[in-house]
PDB file of N, CA and C in Angstrom:
ATOM      1  N   UNK A   1     105.429 103.290 125.216  1.00  0.00           N
ATOM      2  CA  UNK A   1     105.648 104.457 124.397  1.00  0.00           C
ATOM      3  C   UNK A   1     104.644 104.561 123.255  1.00  0.00           C
ATOM      4  N   UNK A   2     104.208 103.408 122.782  1.00  0.00           N
ATOM      5  CA  UNK A   2     103.261 103.388 121.668  1.00  0.00           C
ATOM      6  C   UNK A   2     101.980 104.144 122.029  1.00  0.00           C
ATOM      7  N   UNK A   3     101.498 103.952 123.277  1.00  0.00           N
ATOM      8  CA  UNK A   3     100.276 104.636 123.694  1.00  0.00           C
ATOM      9  C   UNK A   3     100.456 106.152 123.691  1.00  0.00           C
ATOM     10  N   UNK A   4     101.613 106.612 124.119  1.00  0.00           N
ATOM     11  CA  UNK A   4     101.886 108.053 124.131  1.00  0.00           C
ATOM     12  C   UNK A   4     101.869 108.602 122.715  1.00  0.00           C
ATOM     13  N   UNK A   5     102.556 107.917 121.817  1.00  0.00           N
ATOM     14  CA  UNK A   5     102.599 108.363 120.422  1.00  0.00           C
ATOM     15  C   UNK A   5     101.199 108.358 119.821  1.00  0.00           C
ATOM     16  N   UNK A   6     100.408 107.313 120.096  1.00  0.00           N
ATOM     17  CA  UNK A   6      99.047 107.252 119.566  1.00  0.00           C
ATOM     18  C   UNK A   6      98.186 108.393 120.108  1.00  0.00           C
ATOM     19  N   UNK A   7      98.363 108.742 121.398  1.00  0.00           N
ATOM     20  CA  UNK A   7      97.609 109.871 121.960  1.00  0.00           C
ATOM     21  C   UNK A   7      98.028 111.184 121.304  1.00  0.00           C
ATOM     22  N   UNK A   8      99.319 111.369 121.103  1.00  0.00           N
ATOM     23  CA  UNK A   8      99.805 112.589 120.440  1.00  0.00           C
ATOM     24  C   UNK A   8      99.261 112.669 119.019  1.00  0.00           C
ATOM     25  N   UNK A   9      99.325 111.551 118.315  1.00  0.00           N
ATOM     26  CA  UNK A   9      98.838 111.521 116.932  1.00  0.00           C
ATOM     27  C   UNK A   9      97.338 111.809 116.892  1.00  0.00           C
ATOM     28  N   UNK A  10      96.586 111.197 117.801  1.00  0.00           N
ATOM     29  CA  UNK A  10      95.143 111.430 117.845  1.00  0.00           C
ATOM     30  C   UNK A  10      94.826 112.893 118.150  1.00  0.00           C
ATOM     31  N   UNK A  11      95.723 113.546 118.897  1.00  0.00           N
ATOM     32  CA  UNK A  11      95.529 114.962 119.233  1.00  0.00           C
ATOM     33  C   UNK A  11      95.966 115.889 118.107  1.00  0.00           C
ATOM     34  N   UNK A  12      96.528 115.305 117.038  1.00  0.00           N
ATOM     35  CA  UNK A  12      96.896 116.117 115.881  1.00  0.00           C
ATOM     36  C   UNK A  12      98.381 116.331 115.686  1.00  0.00           C
ATOM     37  N   UNK A  13      99.217 115.757 116.546  1.00  0.00           N
ATOM     38  CA  UNK A  13     100.666 115.909 116.372  1.00  0.00           C
ATOM     39  C   UNK A  13     101.106 115.209 115.095  1.00  0.00           C
ATOM     40  N   UNK A  14     102.001 115.826 114.357  1.00  0.00           N
ATOM     41  CA  UNK A  14     102.519 115.257 113.114  1.00  0.00           C
ATOM     42  C   UNK A  14     103.940 114.769 113.361  1.00  0.00           C
ATOM     43  N   UNK A  15     104.111 113.473 113.494  1.00  0.00           N
ATOM     44  CA  UNK A  15     105.417 112.886 113.738  1.00  0.00           C
ATOM     45  C   UNK A  15     105.954 112.321 112.432  1.00  0.00           C
ATOM     46  N   UNK A  16     107.085 112.830 111.987  1.00  0.00           N
ATOM     47  CA  UNK A  16     107.656 112.350 110.734  1.00  0.00           C
ATOM     48  C   UNK A  16     109.138 112.090 110.892  1.00  0.00           C
ATOM     49  N   UNK A  17     109.664 111.314 109.973  1.00  0.00           N
ATOM     50  CA  UNK A  17     111.086 111.043 109.886  1.00  0.00           C
ATOM     51  C   UNK A  17     111.644 111.908 108.767  1.00  0.00           C
ATOM     52  N   UNK A  18     112.781 112.570 108.991  1.00  0.00           N
ATOM     53  CA  UNK A  18     113.350 113.384 107.910  1.00  0.00           C
ATOM     54  C   UNK A  18     113.511 112.573 106.628  1.00  0.00           C
ATOM     55  N   UNK A  19     113.065 113.145 105.525  1.00  0.00           N
ATOM     56  CA  UNK A  19     113.170 112.464 104.239  1.00  0.00           C
ATOM     57  C   UNK A  19     112.016 111.528 103.942  1.00  0.00           C
ATOM     58  N   UNK A  20     111.084 111.394 104.879  1.00  0.00           N
ATOM     59  CA  UNK A  20     109.928 110.515 104.692  1.00  0.00           C
ATOM     60  C   UNK A  20     108.674 111.363 104.835  1.00  0.00           C
ATOM     61  N   UNK A  21     107.700 111.213 103.924  1.00  0.00           N
ATOM     62  CA  UNK A  21     106.509 112.051 103.994  1.00  0.00           C
ATOM     63  C   UNK A  21     105.645 111.799 105.221  1.00  0.00           C
ATOM     64  N   UNK A  22     105.747 110.625 105.822  1.00  0.00           N
ATOM     65  CA  UNK A  22     105.003 110.332 107.038  1.00  0.00           C
ATOM     66  C   UNK A  22     103.590 109.848 106.788  1.00  0.00           C
ATOM     67  N   UNK A  23     102.961 109.243 107.813  1.00  0.00           N
ATOM     68  CA  UNK A  23     101.593 108.778 107.685  1.00  0.00           C
ATOM     69  C   UNK A  23     100.666 109.940 107.371  1.00  0.00           C
ATOM     70  N   UNK A  24      99.675 109.674 106.573  1.00  0.00           N
ATOM     71  CA  UNK A  24      98.730 110.710 106.215  1.00  0.00           C
ATOM     72  C   UNK A  24      99.109 111.429 104.941  1.00  0.00           C
ATOM     73  N   UNK A  25     100.329 111.210 104.476  1.00  0.00           N
ATOM     74  CA  UNK A  25     100.749 111.853 103.234  1.00  0.00           C
ATOM     75  C   UNK A  25     100.093 111.144 102.062  1.00  0.00           C
ATOM     76  N   UNK A  26      99.675 111.902 101.104  1.00  0.00           N
ATOM     77  CA  UNK A  26      99.064 111.309  99.913  1.00  0.00           C
ATOM     78  C   UNK A  26     100.140 110.642  99.086  1.00  0.00           C
ATOM     79  N   UNK A  27      99.786 109.553  98.476  1.00  0.00           N
ATOM     80  CA  UNK A  27     100.721 108.831  97.627  1.00  0.00           C
ATOM     81  C   UNK A  27     100.675 109.340  96.202  1.00  0.00           C
ATOM     82  N   UNK A  28     101.114 108.509  95.289  1.00  0.00           N
ATOM     83  CA  UNK A  28     101.113 108.859  93.874  1.00  0.00           C
ATOM     84  C   UNK A  28      99.682 108.918  93.373  1.00  0.00           C
ATOM     85  N   UNK A  29      99.248 110.079  92.896  1.00  0.00           N
ATOM     86  CA  UNK A  29      97.885 110.161  92.384  1.00  0.00           C
ATOM     87  C   UNK A  29      97.789 109.354  91.103  1.00  0.00           C
ATOM     88  N   UNK A  30      96.634 108.767  90.897  1.00  0.00           N
ATOM     89  CA  UNK A  30      96.424 107.947  89.715  1.00  0.00           C
ATOM     90  C   UNK A  30      96.757 106.482  89.938  1.00  0.00           C
ATOM     91  N   UNK A  31      97.245 106.112  91.134  1.00  0.00           N
ATOM     92  CA  UNK A  31      97.548 104.721  91.434  1.00  0.00           C
ATOM     93  C   UNK A  31      96.281 103.942  91.728  1.00  0.00           C
ATOM     94  N   UNK A  32      96.429 102.645  91.985  1.00  0.00           N
ATOM     95  CA  UNK A  32      95.263 101.790  92.229  1.00  0.00           C
ATOM     96  C   UNK A  32      94.507 102.172  93.504  1.00  0.00           C
ATOM     97  N   UNK A  33      95.149 102.930  94.386  1.00  0.00           N
ATOM     98  CA  UNK A  33      94.486 103.368  95.621  1.00  0.00           C
ATOM     99  C   UNK A  33      94.197 104.868  95.622  1.00  0.00           C
ATOM    100  N   UNK A  34      94.165 105.481  94.465  1.00  0.00           N
ATOM    101  CA  UNK A  34      93.894 106.913  94.379  1.00  0.00           C
ATOM    102  C   UNK A  34      92.566 107.231  95.064  1.00  0.00           C
ATOM    103  N   UNK A  35      92.592 108.134  96.038  1.00  0.00           N
ATOM    104  CA  UNK A  35      91.385 108.525  96.752  1.00  0.00           C
ATOM    105  C   UNK A  35      90.990 107.594  97.885  1.00  0.00           C
ATOM    106  N   UNK A  36      91.807 106.578  98.171  1.00  0.00           N
ATOM    107  CA  UNK A  36      91.501 105.578  99.200  1.00  0.00           C
ATOM    108  C   UNK A  36      92.375 105.828 100.429  1.00  0.00           C
ATOM    109  N   UNK A  37      91.755 105.780 101.613  1.00  0.00           N
ATOM    110  CA  UNK A  37      92.479 105.939 102.871  1.00  0.00           C
ATOM    111  C   UNK A  37      92.567 104.587 103.562  1.00  0.00           C
ATOM    112  N   UNK A  38      93.790 104.220 103.950  1.00  0.00           N
ATOM    113  CA  UNK A  38      94.039 102.918 104.575  1.00  0.00           C
ATOM    114  C   UNK A  38      94.796 103.119 105.885  1.00  0.00           C
ATOM    115  N   UNK A  39      94.379 102.401 106.923  1.00  0.00           N
ATOM    116  CA  UNK A  39      95.107 102.354 108.186  1.00  0.00           C
ATOM    117  C   UNK A  39      95.667 100.942 108.320  1.00  0.00           C
ATOM    118  N   UNK A  40      96.964 100.841 108.561  1.00  0.00           N
ATOM    119  CA  UNK A  40      97.599  99.545 108.808  1.00  0.00           C
ATOM    120  C   UNK A  40      97.891  99.455 110.301  1.00  0.00           C
ATOM    121  N   UNK A  41      97.472  98.354 110.928  1.00  0.00           N
ATOM    122  CA  UNK A  41      97.664  98.196 112.360  1.00  0.00           C
ATOM    123  C   UNK A  41      97.988  96.746 112.693  1.00  0.00           C
ATOM    124  N   UNK A  42      98.759  96.551 113.739  1.00  0.00           N
ATOM    125  CA  UNK A  42      99.189  95.210 114.089  1.00  0.00           C
ATOM    126  C   UNK A  42     100.298  94.747 113.163  1.00  0.00           C
ATOM    127  N   UNK A  43     100.613  93.463 113.213  1.00  0.00           N
ATOM    128  CA  UNK A  43     101.670  92.887 112.381  1.00  0.00           C
ATOM    129  C   UNK A  43     101.070  92.346 111.098  1.00  0.00           C
ATOM    130  N   UNK A  44     101.479  92.909 109.971  1.00  0.00           N
ATOM    131  CA  UNK A  44     101.014  92.426 108.670  1.00  0.00           C
ATOM    132  C   UNK A  44     102.127  91.590 108.060  1.00  0.00           C
ATOM    133  N   UNK A  45     101.870  90.299 107.930  1.00  0.00           N
ATOM    134  CA  UNK A  45     102.885  89.372 107.423  1.00  0.00           C
ATOM    135  C   UNK A  45     103.423  89.838 106.073  1.00  0.00           C
ATOM    136  N   UNK A  46     104.752  89.893 105.985  1.00  0.00           N
ATOM    137  CA  UNK A  46     105.405  90.300 104.751  1.00  0.00           C
ATOM    138  C   UNK A  46     105.715  91.785 104.688  1.00  0.00           C
ATOM    139  N   UNK A  47     105.297  92.543 105.714  1.00  0.00           N
ATOM    140  CA  UNK A  47     105.512  93.991 105.732  1.00  0.00           C
ATOM    141  C   UNK A  47     106.030  94.443 107.092  1.00  0.00           C
ATOM    142  N   UNK A  48     106.981  95.362 107.070  1.00  0.00           N
ATOM    143  CA  UNK A  48     107.301  96.096 108.284  1.00  0.00           C
ATOM    144  C   UNK A  48     106.244  97.185 108.396  1.00  0.00           C
ATOM    145  N   UNK A  49     106.177  97.846 109.517  1.00  0.00           N
ATOM    146  CA  UNK A  49     105.222  98.957 109.666  1.00  0.00           C
ATOM    147  C   UNK A  49     105.504 100.016 108.601  1.00  0.00           C
ATOM    148  N   UNK A  50     106.772 100.366 108.446  1.00  0.00           N
ATOM    149  CA  UNK A  50     107.178 101.354 107.445  1.00  0.00           C
ATOM    150  C   UNK A  50     106.869 100.857 106.033  1.00  0.00           C
ATOM    151  N   UNK A  51     107.117  99.573 105.788  1.00  0.00           N
ATOM    152  CA  UNK A  51     106.862  98.994 104.468  1.00  0.00           C
ATOM    153  C   UNK A  51     105.394  99.028 104.088  1.00  0.00           C
ATOM    154  N   UNK A  52     104.512  98.805 105.065  1.00  0.00           N
ATOM    155  CA  UNK A  52     103.071  98.861 104.796  1.00  0.00           C
ATOM    156  C   UNK A  52     102.655 100.280 104.414  1.00  0.00           C
ATOM    157  N   UNK A  53     103.163 101.270 105.146  1.00  0.00           N
ATOM    158  CA  UNK A  53     102.840 102.670 104.833  1.00  0.00           C
ATOM    159  C   UNK A  53     103.347 103.042 103.445  1.00  0.00           C
ATOM    160  N   UNK A  54     104.565 102.613 103.140  1.00  0.00           N
ATOM    161  CA  UNK A  54     105.144 102.916 101.827  1.00  0.00           C
ATOM    162  C   UNK A  54     104.355 102.242 100.706  1.00  0.00           C
ATOM    163  N   UNK A  55     103.881 101.014 100.943  1.00  0.00           N
ATOM    164  CA  UNK A  55     103.095 100.304  99.929  1.00  0.00           C
ATOM    165  C   UNK A  55     101.787 101.046  99.638  1.00  0.00           C
ATOM    166  N   UNK A  56     101.155 101.560 100.684  1.00  0.00           N
ATOM    167  CA  UNK A  56      99.907 102.322 100.511  1.00  0.00           C
ATOM    168  C   UNK A  56     100.173 103.567  99.667  1.00  0.00           C
ATOM    169  N   UNK A  57     101.202 104.311 100.046  1.00  0.00           N
ATOM    170  CA  UNK A  57     101.506 105.556  99.339  1.00  0.00           C
ATOM    171  C   UNK A  57     101.985 105.302  97.913  1.00  0.00           C
ATOM    172  N   UNK A  58     102.768 104.245  97.711  1.00  0.00           N
ATOM    173  CA  UNK A  58     103.251 103.919  96.366  1.00  0.00           C
ATOM    174  C   UNK A  58     102.095 103.564  95.435  1.00  0.00           C
ATOM    175  N   UNK A  59     101.010 103.032  96.011  1.00  0.00           N
ATOM    176  CA  UNK A  59      99.831 102.675  95.217  1.00  0.00           C
ATOM    177  C   UNK A  59      98.884 103.862  95.036  1.00  0.00           C
ATOM    178  N   UNK A  60      99.280 105.026  95.555  1.00  0.00           N
ATOM    179  CA  UNK A  60      98.475 106.225  95.375  1.00  0.00           C
ATOM    180  C   UNK A  60      97.489 106.504  96.486  1.00  0.00           C
ATOM    181  N   UNK A  61      97.524 105.689  97.540  1.00  0.00           N
ATOM    182  CA  UNK A  61      96.582 105.874  98.638  1.00  0.00           C
ATOM    183  C   UNK A  61      97.095 106.800  99.711  1.00  0.00           C
ATOM    184  N   UNK A  62      96.231 107.068 100.681  1.00  0.00           N
ATOM    185  CA  UNK A  62      96.594 107.861 101.840  1.00  0.00           C
ATOM    186  C   UNK A  62      96.782 106.908 103.007  1.00  0.00           C
ATOM    187  N   UNK A  63      97.971 106.928 103.610  1.00  0.00           N
ATOM    188  CA  UNK A  63      98.261 106.107 104.778  1.00  0.00           C
ATOM    189  C   UNK A  63      97.915 106.917 106.017  1.00  0.00           C
ATOM    190  N   UNK A  64      96.830 106.560 106.675  1.00  0.00           N
ATOM    191  CA  UNK A  64      96.394 107.292 107.864  1.00  0.00           C
ATOM    192  C   UNK A  64      96.921 106.604 109.116  1.00  0.00           C
ATOM    193  N   UNK A  65      97.148 107.392 110.159  1.00  0.00           N
ATOM    194  CA  UNK A  65      97.664 106.837 111.405  1.00  0.00           C
ATOM    195  C   UNK A  65      96.564 106.539 112.414  1.00  0.00           C
ATOM    196  N   UNK A  66      95.357 107.028 112.154  1.00  0.00           N
ATOM    197  CA  UNK A  66      94.254 106.746 113.067  1.00  0.00           C
ATOM    198  C   UNK A  66      92.989 106.407 112.281  1.00  0.00           C
ATOM    199  N   UNK A  67      92.122 105.658 112.918  1.00  0.00           N
ATOM    200  CA  UNK A  67      90.879 105.191 112.307  1.00  0.00           C
ATOM    201  C   UNK A  67      89.791 106.248 112.484  1.00  0.00           C
ATOM    202  N   UNK A  68      89.059 106.523 111.410  1.00  0.00           N
ATOM    203  CA  UNK A  68      87.918 107.436 111.477  1.00  0.00           C
ATOM    204  C   UNK A  68      86.873 106.974 110.470  1.00  0.00           C
ATOM    205  N   UNK A  69      85.730 107.644 110.461  1.00  0.00           N
ATOM    206  CA  UNK A  69      84.690 107.267 109.509  1.00  0.00           C
ATOM    207  C   UNK A  69      85.126 107.522 108.073  1.00  0.00           C
ATOM    208  N   UNK A  70      86.194 108.299 107.878  1.00  0.00           N
ATOM    209  CA  UNK A  70      86.716 108.571 106.536  1.00  0.00           C
ATOM    210  C   UNK A  70      87.665 107.474 106.046  1.00  0.00           C
ATOM    211  N   UNK A  71      87.992 106.516 106.919  1.00  0.00           N
ATOM    212  CA  UNK A  71      88.888 105.418 106.563  1.00  0.00           C
ATOM    213  C   UNK A  71      88.147 104.438 105.658  1.00  0.00           C
ATOM    214  N   UNK A  72      88.788 104.057 104.550  1.00  0.00           N
ATOM    215  CA  UNK A  72      88.169 103.104 103.622  1.00  0.00           C
ATOM    216  C   UNK A  72      88.478 101.657 103.994  1.00  0.00           C
ATOM    217  N   UNK A  73      89.721 101.385 104.396  1.00  0.00           N
ATOM    218  CA  UNK A  73      90.144 100.030 104.758  1.00  0.00           C
ATOM    219  C   UNK A  73      91.030 100.081 105.989  1.00  0.00           C
ATOM    220  N   UNK A  74      90.894  99.062 106.844  1.00  0.00           N
ATOM    221  CA  UNK A  74      91.807  98.872 107.959  1.00  0.00           C
ATOM    222  C   UNK A  74      92.456  97.513 107.758  1.00  0.00           C
ATOM    223  N   UNK A  75      93.762  97.531 107.519  1.00  0.00           N
ATOM    224  CA  UNK A  75      94.527  96.297 107.373  1.00  0.00           C
ATOM    225  C   UNK A  75      95.006  95.926 108.766  1.00  0.00           C
ATOM    226  N   UNK A  76      94.505  94.818 109.299  1.00  0.00           N
ATOM    227  CA  UNK A  76      94.775  94.458 110.686  1.00  0.00           C
ATOM    228  C   UNK A  76      95.412  93.086 110.791  1.00  0.00           C
ATOM    229  N   UNK A  77      96.447  93.023 111.601  1.00  0.00           N
ATOM    230  CA  UNK A  77      97.111  91.761 111.890  1.00  0.00           C
ATOM    231  C   UNK A  77      97.148  91.558 113.389  1.00  0.00           C
ATOM    232  N   UNK A  78      97.843  90.508 113.838  1.00  0.00           N
ATOM    233  CA  UNK A  78      97.970  90.255 115.270  1.00  0.00           C
ATOM    234  C   UNK A  78      98.498  91.491 116.004  1.00  0.00           C
ATOM    235  N   UNK A  79      97.895  91.797 117.142  1.00  0.00           N
ATOM    236  CA  UNK A  79      98.315  92.944 117.934  1.00  0.00           C
ATOM    237  C   UNK A  79      97.672  94.252 117.514  1.00  0.00           C
ATOM    238  N   UNK A  80      96.593  94.187 116.734  1.00  0.00           N
ATOM    239  CA  UNK A  80      95.963  95.401 116.213  1.00  0.00           C
ATOM    240  C   UNK A  80      95.380  96.285 117.317  1.00  0.00           C
ATOM    241  N   UNK A  81      94.788  95.728 118.335  1.00  0.00           N
ATOM    242  CA  UNK A  81      94.324  96.493 119.485  1.00  0.00           C
ATOM    243  C   UNK A  81      93.186  97.462 119.238  1.00  0.00           C
ATOM    244  N   UNK A  82      93.338  98.680 119.781  1.00  0.00           N
ATOM    245  CA  UNK A  82      92.247  99.661 119.798  1.00  0.00           C
ATOM    246  C   UNK A  82      91.841 100.148 118.409  1.00  0.00           C
ATOM    247  N   UNK A  83      92.766 100.182 117.477  1.00  0.00           N
ATOM    248  CA  UNK A  83      92.405 100.617 116.117  1.00  0.00           C
ATOM    249  C   UNK A  83      91.429  99.624 115.488  1.00  0.00           C
ATOM    250  N   UNK A  84      91.662  98.339 115.712  1.00  0.00           N
ATOM    251  CA  UNK A  84      90.761  97.312 115.194  1.00  0.00           C
ATOM    252  C   UNK A  84      89.388  97.436 115.851  1.00  0.00           C
ATOM    253  N   UNK A  85      89.376  97.625 117.160  1.00  0.00           N
ATOM    254  CA  UNK A  85      88.104  97.764 117.882  1.00  0.00           C
ATOM    255  C   UNK A  85      87.320  98.970 117.368  1.00  0.00           C
ATOM    256  N   UNK A  86      88.006 100.075 117.133  1.00  0.00           N
ATOM    257  CA  UNK A  86      87.328 101.272 116.629  1.00  0.00           C
ATOM    258  C   UNK A  86      86.794 101.030 115.221  1.00  0.00           C
ATOM    259  N   UNK A  87      87.579 100.351 114.382  1.00  0.00           N
ATOM    260  CA  UNK A  87      87.142 100.046 113.012  1.00  0.00           C
ATOM    261  C   UNK A  87      85.886  99.183 113.030  1.00  0.00           C
ATOM    262  N   UNK A  88      85.858  98.188 113.917  1.00  0.00           N
ATOM    263  CA  UNK A  88      84.681  97.327 114.038  1.00  0.00           C
ATOM    264  C   UNK A  88      83.473  98.138 114.488  1.00  0.00           C
ATOM    265  N   UNK A  89      83.675  99.026 115.463  1.00  0.00           N
ATOM    266  CA  UNK A  89      82.574  99.847 115.977  1.00  0.00           C
ATOM    267  C   UNK A  89      82.014 100.771 114.895  1.00  0.00           C
ATOM    268  N   UNK A  90      82.883 101.237 113.999  1.00  0.00           N
ATOM    269  CA  UNK A  90      82.450 102.124 112.918  1.00  0.00           C
ATOM    270  C   UNK A  90      81.922 101.363 111.702  1.00  0.00           C
ATOM    271  N   UNK A  91      82.044 100.034 111.729  1.00  0.00           N
ATOM    272  CA  UNK A  91      81.573  99.227 110.604  1.00  0.00           C
ATOM    273  C   UNK A  91      82.448  99.349 109.364  1.00  0.00           C
ATOM    274  N   UNK A  92      83.744  99.602 109.569  1.00  0.00           N
ATOM    275  CA  UNK A  92      84.664  99.764 108.441  1.00  0.00           C
ATOM    276  C   UNK A  92      85.083  98.415 107.875  1.00  0.00           C
ATOM    277  N   UNK A  93      85.592  98.421 106.668  1.00  0.00           N
ATOM    278  CA  UNK A  93      86.055  97.186 106.030  1.00  0.00           C
ATOM    279  C   UNK A  93      87.434  96.837 106.579  1.00  0.00           C
ATOM    280  N   UNK A  94      87.536  95.667 107.181  1.00  0.00           N
ATOM    281  CA  UNK A  94      88.776  95.196 107.788  1.00  0.00           C
ATOM    282  C   UNK A  94      89.330  94.072 106.929  1.00  0.00           C
ATOM    283  N   UNK A  95      90.622  94.178 106.606  1.00  0.00           N
ATOM    284  CA  UNK A  95      91.266  93.180 105.760  1.00  0.00           C
ATOM    285  C   UNK A  95      92.503  92.625 106.462  1.00  0.00           C
ATOM    286  N   UNK A  96      92.906  91.415 106.060  1.00  0.00           N
ATOM    287  CA  UNK A  96      94.101  90.801 106.632  1.00  0.00           C
ATOM    288  C   UNK A  96      95.307  91.076 105.733  1.00  0.00           C
ATOM    289  N   UNK A  97      96.456  90.500 106.079  1.00  0.00           N
ATOM    290  CA  UNK A  97      97.691  90.763 105.339  1.00  0.00           C
ATOM    291  C   UNK A  97      97.605  90.316 103.881  1.00  0.00           C
ATOM    292  N   UNK A  98      96.988  89.161 103.624  1.00  0.00           N
ATOM    293  CA  UNK A  98      96.869  88.672 102.244  1.00  0.00           C
ATOM    294  C   UNK A  98      95.985  89.610 101.420  1.00  0.00           C
ATOM    295  N   UNK A  99      94.895  90.058 102.012  1.00  0.00           N
ATOM    296  CA  UNK A  99      94.006  90.996 101.320  1.00  0.00           C
ATOM    297  C   UNK A  99      94.677  92.354 101.139  1.00  0.00           C
ATOM    298  N   UNK A 100      95.513  92.747 102.109  1.00  0.00           N
ATOM    299  CA  UNK A 100      96.251  94.008 102.001  1.00  0.00           C
ATOM    300  C   UNK A 100      97.170  93.973 100.782  1.00  0.00           C
ATOM    301  N   UNK A 101      97.853  92.852 100.592  1.00  0.00           N
ATOM    302  CA  UNK A 101      98.748  92.719  99.437  1.00  0.00           C
ATOM    303  C   UNK A 101      97.952  92.880  98.133  1.00  0.00           C
ATOM    304  N   UNK A 102      96.798  92.243  98.057  1.00  0.00           N
ATOM    305  CA  UNK A 102      95.943  92.377  96.864  1.00  0.00           C
ATOM    306  C   UNK A 102      95.518  93.834  96.693  1.00  0.00           C
ATOM    307  N   UNK A 103      95.126  94.470  97.799  1.00  0.00           N
ATOM    308  CA  UNK A 103      94.668  95.861  97.748  1.00  0.00           C
ATOM    309  C   UNK A 103      95.740  96.785  97.182  1.00  0.00           C
ATOM    310  N   UNK A 104      96.972  96.704  97.703  1.00  0.00           N
ATOM    311  CA  UNK A 104      98.015  97.638  97.258  1.00  0.00           C
ATOM    312  C   UNK A 104      98.555  97.302  95.872  1.00  0.00           C
ATOM    313  N   UNK A 105      98.429  96.050  95.457  1.00  0.00           N
ATOM    314  CA  UNK A 105      98.939  95.667  94.134  1.00  0.00           C
ATOM    315  C   UNK A 105      97.897  95.833  93.032  1.00  0.00           C
ATOM    316  N   UNK A 106      96.610  95.558  93.356  1.00  0.00           N
ATOM    317  CA  UNK A 106      95.589  95.520  92.311  1.00  0.00           C
ATOM    318  C   UNK A 106      94.416  96.470  92.536  1.00  0.00           C
ATOM    319  N   UNK A 107      94.275  97.000  93.734  1.00  0.00           N
ATOM    320  CA  UNK A 107      93.194  97.930  94.029  1.00  0.00           C
ATOM    321  C   UNK A 107      91.986  97.270  94.658  1.00  0.00           C
ATOM    322  N   UNK A 108      91.032  98.082  95.130  1.00  0.00           N
ATOM    323  CA  UNK A 108      89.870  97.564  95.854  1.00  0.00           C
ATOM    324  C   UNK A 108      88.975  96.638  95.043  1.00  0.00           C
ATOM    325  N   UNK A 109      88.865  96.857  93.752  1.00  0.00           N
ATOM    326  CA  UNK A 109      87.999  96.002  92.928  1.00  0.00           C
ATOM    327  C   UNK A 109      88.485  94.555  92.943  1.00  0.00           C
ATOM    328  N   UNK A 110      89.795  94.359  93.053  1.00  0.00           N
ATOM    329  CA  UNK A 110      90.355  93.004  93.084  1.00  0.00           C
ATOM    330  C   UNK A 110      89.948  92.271  94.356  1.00  0.00           C
ATOM    331  N   UNK A 111      89.742  92.992  95.453  1.00  0.00           N
ATOM    332  CA  UNK A 111      89.285  92.352  96.692  1.00  0.00           C
ATOM    333  C   UNK A 111      87.884  91.794  96.519  1.00  0.00           C
ATOM    334  N   UNK A 112      87.042  92.547  95.847  1.00  0.00           N
ATOM    335  CA  UNK A 112      85.668  92.104  95.632  1.00  0.00           C
ATOM    336  C   UNK A 112      85.605  90.927  94.668  1.00  0.00           C
ATOM    337  N   UNK A 113      86.584  90.833  93.761  1.00  0.00           N
ATOM    338  CA  UNK A 113      86.613  89.756  92.770  1.00  0.00           C
ATOM    339  C   UNK A 113      87.277  88.496  93.312  1.00  0.00           C
ATOM    340  N   UNK A 114      88.078  88.636  94.387  1.00  0.00           N
ATOM    341  CA  UNK A 114      88.804  87.492  94.940  1.00  0.00           C
ATOM    342  C   UNK A 114      87.835  86.547  95.635  1.00  0.00           C
ATOM    343  N   UNK A 115      88.068  85.220  95.520  1.00  0.00           N
ATOM    344  CA  UNK A 115      87.195  84.259  96.197  1.00  0.00           C
ATOM    345  C   UNK A 115      87.312  84.400  97.711  1.00  0.00           C
ATOM    346  N   UNK A 116      86.232  84.177  98.412  1.00  0.00           N
ATOM    347  CA  UNK A 116      86.221  84.277  99.872  1.00  0.00           C
ATOM    348  C   UNK A 116      87.007  83.123 100.469  1.00  0.00           C
ATOM    349  N   UNK A 117      87.606  83.354 101.648  1.00  0.00           N
ATOM    350  CA  UNK A 117      88.388  82.326 102.334  1.00  0.00           C
ATOM    351  C   UNK A 117      87.515  81.400 103.165  1.00  0.00           C
ATOM    352  N   UNK A 118      86.233  81.620 103.214  1.00  0.00           N
ATOM    353  CA  UNK A 118      85.328  80.843 104.075  1.00  0.00           C
ATOM    354  C   UNK A 118      85.388  79.381 103.756  1.00  0.00           C
TER     355      UNK A 118
END
């Protein structure tokens, strides 16, 4: 079913839950992610799929459901699949669950200031 939903979404269908703004909705303007578009894909430790989207929007970012050249960050965990492959092909910045937490709590500048895991 996931593939069907992804095809519908890629074709422009807007799937939302009543009472929820849905993916692609802008979050609180002025937050640490103001003007930033993030796609969350795969399993992000510490977040449900819904929780990851809500964290992006609560930080003022745009939670997108598909990867494009306009995407600023792709938060990818196990099971990311085609979204991760597309992000790599586009040369987008890919982050893991720990970096995602830093991103939504402190903003993109904190990622650049954080020590590398290498």
